[in-house]
Amino acid sequence: MAAPQKEPLGSPSLACDWQQRFESKWDLSAKGVPLPKEPDWEALWKQKPFQRNLLQNPNPEGVNVSEPAPPCQPQKTCKLPDFKDIFGGWEVSTERLPLDQAKTLFALPPYSWCVKQQSVDLLAEGLWKELLDQYQPDITIMDWYENSKLDLSVYELHVRLLGSDKEAVIGEFHHVAREKEQDGEEKAWHHVSHVFKGYGPGVRYVHFLHKTKDVETADGLLRTRATDSSVSVQLKD
């Protein structure tokens, strides 16, 4: 008895099967989600564009927010070390802060920001133009930063929704840590989150940037850490 023939790759029946799987999993019809014009349903199924973290390397230092922040040993040098192996996927830079000339008599330690940023290409991650422009799914931002107590404010988060030219700002969210967020004697992790809703058509990129404050001491560089950064897309209930 001859074995049943397999469907050739790219056949209409296989494409229909992938479409049924994808639509059924995310309940697209019931939620009124417009479908892409020329979809590759198998690729969409495998990409899993919804409810997953679209950032690369969200926890580069391997710290766990469910536990107290581990001691941060001073770096032997006051220069930020080469983190290329650790911070893959991130663009990392140092922004030195000028000394307050009015307070230089008090020999304040020099501070700097460690700036980490990356952009998410929403179309490359499996989302499609009709979805982003017409349906406008929720885009959720989350981050955690360490209460290092190195200064009154040790963290900033700046997120922008950008158009196809990567310059037009369609939506934005900014968070600057305040002293009251860092109250308490024990070090802890602070959670920051925001959901973009009804942001309008044209969004193609999410630019995520956070800044953590470092300080130079006689023993070396002390750092503030951030972890579990995330950008995710959710269909509306």
Foldseek 3Di string as FASTA:
>chain_A
DDDDDDDDPPDPVVQVVLVCVVCVVQVCVVLVADDAPDDSSVVLVVLVQFPDFQAPLQFLPPDDQVDAGDDFAFDQAQDDDDCCVRPPRKDWDKAWDDDDPVCVVVVDFTKIKIKIKHKGFSVVSNDDQSRCAPQNFKKKWKKKKKLPVPDQWFKKKKKFFDFPVRPDTQDIDIDTDGNVQNDDDGMHMDMDMDIDGPSHHGGGMMMIMMIGMWTQDPNHIDTMDMGPTGIGTHRDD
